[in-house]
Amino acid sequence: MSSDEDDTAGSMCMWEELEGPSPDSIDFGEGAQWTVSSCKAGCGVERLRDDDPTTFWQSDGAQPHTVCAYFRERVFVESVCFYVDYESDETYTPSRVCAKVGTMPSDMVTVSVKDLDQPRGWITLPLTNESGHPSHVFMVELCVVANHQNGRDTHIRQCKVFAKNEPLPQTLSAKEALPRFSSAPFRQFNTLR
């Protein structure tokens, strides 16, 4: 086996080890509409969700670079995970990232910031609120603020948004625990148009 094959095998091993932040977590990304701030031809948003760690999204433009997931209805999200590989990407690898959540672009709030030092594998950013509960949102944004060695564009190989697959705890405040509307006139407020 060549050294290139060894690197790919190592990446695949790290890839297979990804599980949600808790045993009852599921990837909600399939139900989202994904967008990116920019991309090079052939390295677009579809590469973030193709379950292949050898492909990647490559930005094309000025920083910060963003990846957004839009959900049709409000969901309770607990983390965003993304796959990077410094050994393969070097200056294209993020060195500082942040995660933002909100119900629309104008009310996005930064909930997590992380500095990375030559990362290889899955990076997890929590999306919980101040009380430690999952955030109840329409949108999740992963923002690449800086790259290693002051690189301009970035590579992210995969991205997933996790949520718990269980009923919400009853300890949420009235503001956080909004009712699920069942009548047609009120259901319009449960979804993003």
Protein backbone atom coordinates (compact mmCIF):
# COMPACT_ATOMS: atom_id res chain seq x y z
CA MET A 1 0.00 0.00 0.00
CA SER A 2 1.41 3.41 -0.97
CA SER A 3 1.61 6.36 1.43
CA ASP A 4 -1.27 8.03 -0.46
CA GLU A 5 -3.43 4.98 0.15
CA ASP A 6 -2.40 5.01 3.83
CA ASP A 7 -3.58 8.63 4.13
CA THR A 8 -6.91 7.81 2.51
CA ALA A 9 -7.38 4.77 4.72
CA GLY A 10 -6.65 6.91 7.79
CA SER A 11 -9.19 9.50 6.65
CA MET A 12 -11.78 6.82 6.03
CA CYS A 13 -11.21 5.39 9.51
CA MET A 14 -11.79 8.80 11.12
CA TRP A 15 -14.77 9.28 8.81
CA GLU A 16 -16.42 6.05 9.95
CA GLU A 17 -15.99 6.93 13.62
CA LEU A 18 -18.39 9.92 13.45
CA GLU A 19 -21.41 9.59 15.67
CA GLY A 20 -23.70 12.27 16.97
CA PRO A 21 -22.88 14.13 20.16
CA SER A 22 -25.14 11.71 22.02
CA PRO A 23 -26.41 8.20 21.23
CA ASP A 24 -29.90 9.51 20.44
CA SER A 25 -28.70 12.19 17.96
CA ILE A 26 -29.58 12.15 14.28
CA ASP A 27 -28.26 14.11 11.29
CA PHE A 28 -30.95 16.66 10.37
CA GLY A 29 -28.96 17.87 7.37
CA GLU A 30 -30.94 15.78 4.87
CA GLY A 31 -34.01 17.91 5.56
CA ALA A 32 -32.17 21.20 5.07
CA GLN A 33 -31.46 23.41 2.09
CA TRP A 34 -27.70 24.05 2.00
CA THR A 35 -26.01 27.17 0.65
CA VAL A 36 -22.42 28.44 0.60
CA SER A 37 -21.03 31.97 0.32
CA SER A 38 -19.04 31.08 -2.83
CA CYS A 39 -17.47 28.09 -4.57
CA LYS A 40 -15.01 27.05 -7.25
CA ALA A 41 -16.45 25.20 -10.25
CA GLY A 42 -16.84 21.49 -9.45
CA CYS A 43 -16.39 22.05 -5.70
CA GLY A 44 -19.84 23.29 -4.75
CA VAL A 45 -22.29 22.77 -1.93
CA GLU A 46 -23.16 19.24 -3.10
CA ARG A 47 -19.67 18.10 -2.00
CA LEU A 48 -20.52 18.87 1.65
CA ARG A 49 -23.23 16.21 1.76
CA ASP A 50 -21.95 13.44 -0.54
CA ASP A 51 -20.55 11.22 2.27
CA ASP A 52 -17.15 11.11 0.57
CA PRO A 53 -14.22 12.46 2.63
CA THR A 54 -12.04 12.71 -0.48
CA THR A 55 -14.21 15.46 -2.01
CA PHE A 56 -14.57 18.99 -0.64
CA TRP A 57 -16.30 22.34 -0.96
CA GLN A 58 -13.81 25.05 -1.94
CA SER A 59 -14.68 28.68 -1.40
CA ASP A 60 -13.83 31.35 -3.94
CA GLY A 61 -13.65 34.88 -2.62
CA ALA A 62 -12.96 37.01 0.41
CA GLN A 63 -13.34 35.78 3.98
CA PRO A 64 -15.37 35.04 5.96
CA HIS A 65 -16.64 31.95 4.13
CA THR A 66 -19.99 30.54 5.19
CA VAL A 67 -22.01 27.35 4.94
CA CYS A 68 -25.70 27.69 5.82
CA ALA A 69 -28.38 25.09 6.46
CA TYR A 70 -31.99 26.32 6.19
CA PHE A 71 -34.80 24.20 7.66
CA ARG A 72 -38.45 24.36 6.54
CA GLU A 73 -39.65 24.40 10.12
CA ARG A 74 -37.97 25.26 13.38
CA VAL A 75 -35.83 22.42 14.68
CA PHE A 76 -33.94 21.86 17.91
CA VAL A 77 -30.27 21.50 16.93
CA GLU A 78 -27.46 20.52 19.29
CA SER A 79 -24.29 20.59 17.18
CA VAL A 80 -22.74 21.12 13.77
CA CYS A 81 -19.90 18.78 12.72
CA PHE A 82 -17.57 19.29 9.79
CA TYR A 83 -14.70 17.26 8.36
CA VAL A 84 -11.32 18.83 7.54
CA ASP A 85 -7.86 17.46 6.74
CA TYR A 86 -4.82 19.70 7.29
CA GLU A 87 -2.41 17.12 5.83
CA SER A 88 -4.19 17.25 2.46
CA ASP A 89 -5.35 20.87 2.40
CA GLU A 90 -2.72 22.90 4.35
CA THR A 91 -3.47 26.62 3.76
CA TYR A 92 -7.04 25.78 2.75
CA THR A 93 -7.74 24.37 6.24
CA PRO A 94 -9.75 26.56 8.63
CA SER A 95 -7.89 27.80 11.71
CA ARG A 96 -10.79 29.71 13.32
CA VAL A 97 -14.48 28.88 12.90
CA CYS A 98 -17.71 29.96 14.52
CA ALA A 99 -21.27 28.66 14.49
CA LYS A 100 -24.31 30.92 14.37
CA VAL A 101 -27.98 30.08 14.80
CA GLY A 102 -31.21 32.00 14.29
CA THR A 103 -34.65 32.15 12.79
CA MET A 104 -33.66 34.53 9.94
CA PRO A 105 -30.43 36.12 8.65
CA SER A 106 -31.00 39.33 10.62
CA ASP A 107 -31.15 37.63 14.05
CA MET A 108 -28.22 35.20 13.80
CA VAL A 109 -26.35 34.79 17.10
CA THR A 110 -22.86 33.32 17.53
CA VAL A 111 -23.13 30.34 19.90
CA SER A 112 -19.73 28.68 19.42
CA VAL A 113 -16.20 29.73 18.39
CA LYS A 114 -13.24 27.37 18.01
CA ASP A 115 -9.56 27.80 17.12
CA LEU A 116 -8.07 24.84 15.23
CA ASP A 117 -4.43 23.76 15.10
CA GLN A 118 -3.73 21.55 12.07
CA PRO A 119 -6.99 19.57 12.43
CA ARG A 120 -7.62 16.23 10.76
CA GLY A 121 -11.01 14.61 11.14
CA TRP A 122 -14.39 15.67 12.49
CA ILE A 123 -14.72 18.95 14.39
CA THR A 124 -17.83 19.46 16.52
CA LEU A 125 -19.25 22.85 17.52
CA PRO A 126 -22.08 22.82 20.09
CA LEU A 127 -25.24 24.74 19.21
CA THR A 128 -26.84 24.74 22.64
CA ASN A 129 -28.30 27.86 24.25
CA GLU A 130 -27.19 29.49 27.52
CA SER A 131 -29.13 26.94 29.59
CA GLY A 132 -27.53 23.99 27.78
CA HIS A 133 -30.62 23.04 25.76
CA PRO A 134 -30.64 22.58 21.96
CA SER A 135 -31.25 25.80 20.01
CA HIS A 136 -34.70 26.14 18.38
CA VAL A 137 -33.92 27.58 14.94
CA PHE A 138 -34.64 27.80 11.21
CA MET A 139 -30.99 28.42 10.26
CA VAL A 140 -27.51 27.19 11.17
CA GLU A 141 -24.41 28.93 9.78
CA LEU A 142 -20.84 27.66 9.92
CA CYS A 143 -18.45 30.56 9.38
CA VAL A 144 -14.75 30.17 8.51
CA VAL A 145 -13.11 33.29 9.93
CA ALA A 146 -9.44 32.43 9.21
CA ASN A 147 -7.32 29.74 7.55
CA HIS A 148 -3.93 28.28 8.40
CA GLN A 149 -0.95 30.31 7.15
CA ASN A 150 -3.34 33.14 6.18
CA GLY A 151 -4.82 31.10 3.32
CA ARG A 152 -7.52 32.85 1.31
CA ASP A 153 -9.93 30.08 0.28
CA THR A 154 -11.05 27.14 2.38
CA HIS A 155 -11.80 23.43 2.05
CA ILE A 156 -14.48 21.67 4.09
CA ARG A 157 -14.95 18.03 3.19
CA GLN A 158 -18.29 17.23 4.86
CA CYS A 159 -20.83 18.96 7.11
CA LYS A 160 -23.61 17.59 9.33
CA VAL A 161 -26.14 19.18 11.70
CA PHE A 162 -27.22 17.02 14.63
CA ALA A 163 -30.38 17.12 16.69
CA LYS A 164 -31.72 14.86 19.41
CA ASN A 165 -34.24 12.28 18.31
CA GLU A 166 -36.34 12.53 21.46
CA PRO A 167 -39.00 14.73 23.04
CA LEU A 168 -37.76 18.01 24.47
CA PRO A 169 -37.17 18.30 28.21
CA GLN A 170 -40.02 19.97 30.08
CA THR A 171 -37.59 22.39 31.76
CA LEU A 172 -37.55 24.82 28.84
CA SER A 173 -38.84 28.32 29.50
CA ALA A 174 -42.13 29.44 27.95
CA LYS A 175 -40.22 31.40 25.32
CA GLU A 176 -38.15 28.36 24.24
CA ALA A 177 -40.97 25.77 24.40
CA LEU A 178 -43.30 27.13 21.73
CA PRO A 179 -46.38 25.04 20.97
CA ARG A 180 -46.76 23.07 17.77
CA PHE A 181 -49.74 24.57 15.98
CA SER A 182 -52.30 22.15 14.59
CA SER A 183 -54.91 24.36 12.89
CA ALA A 184 -54.29 25.53 9.32
CA PRO A 185 -54.34 29.30 10.08
CA PHE A 186 -51.68 28.90 12.76
CA ARG A 187 -49.45 26.31 11.04
CA GLN A 188 -48.17 29.07 8.74
CA PHE A 189 -46.09 30.34 11.66
CA ASN A 190 -44.23 27.02 12.04
CA THR A 191 -42.41 27.22 8.73
CA LEU A 192 -39.95 29.48 6.96
CA ARG A 193 -41.30 30.92 3.71
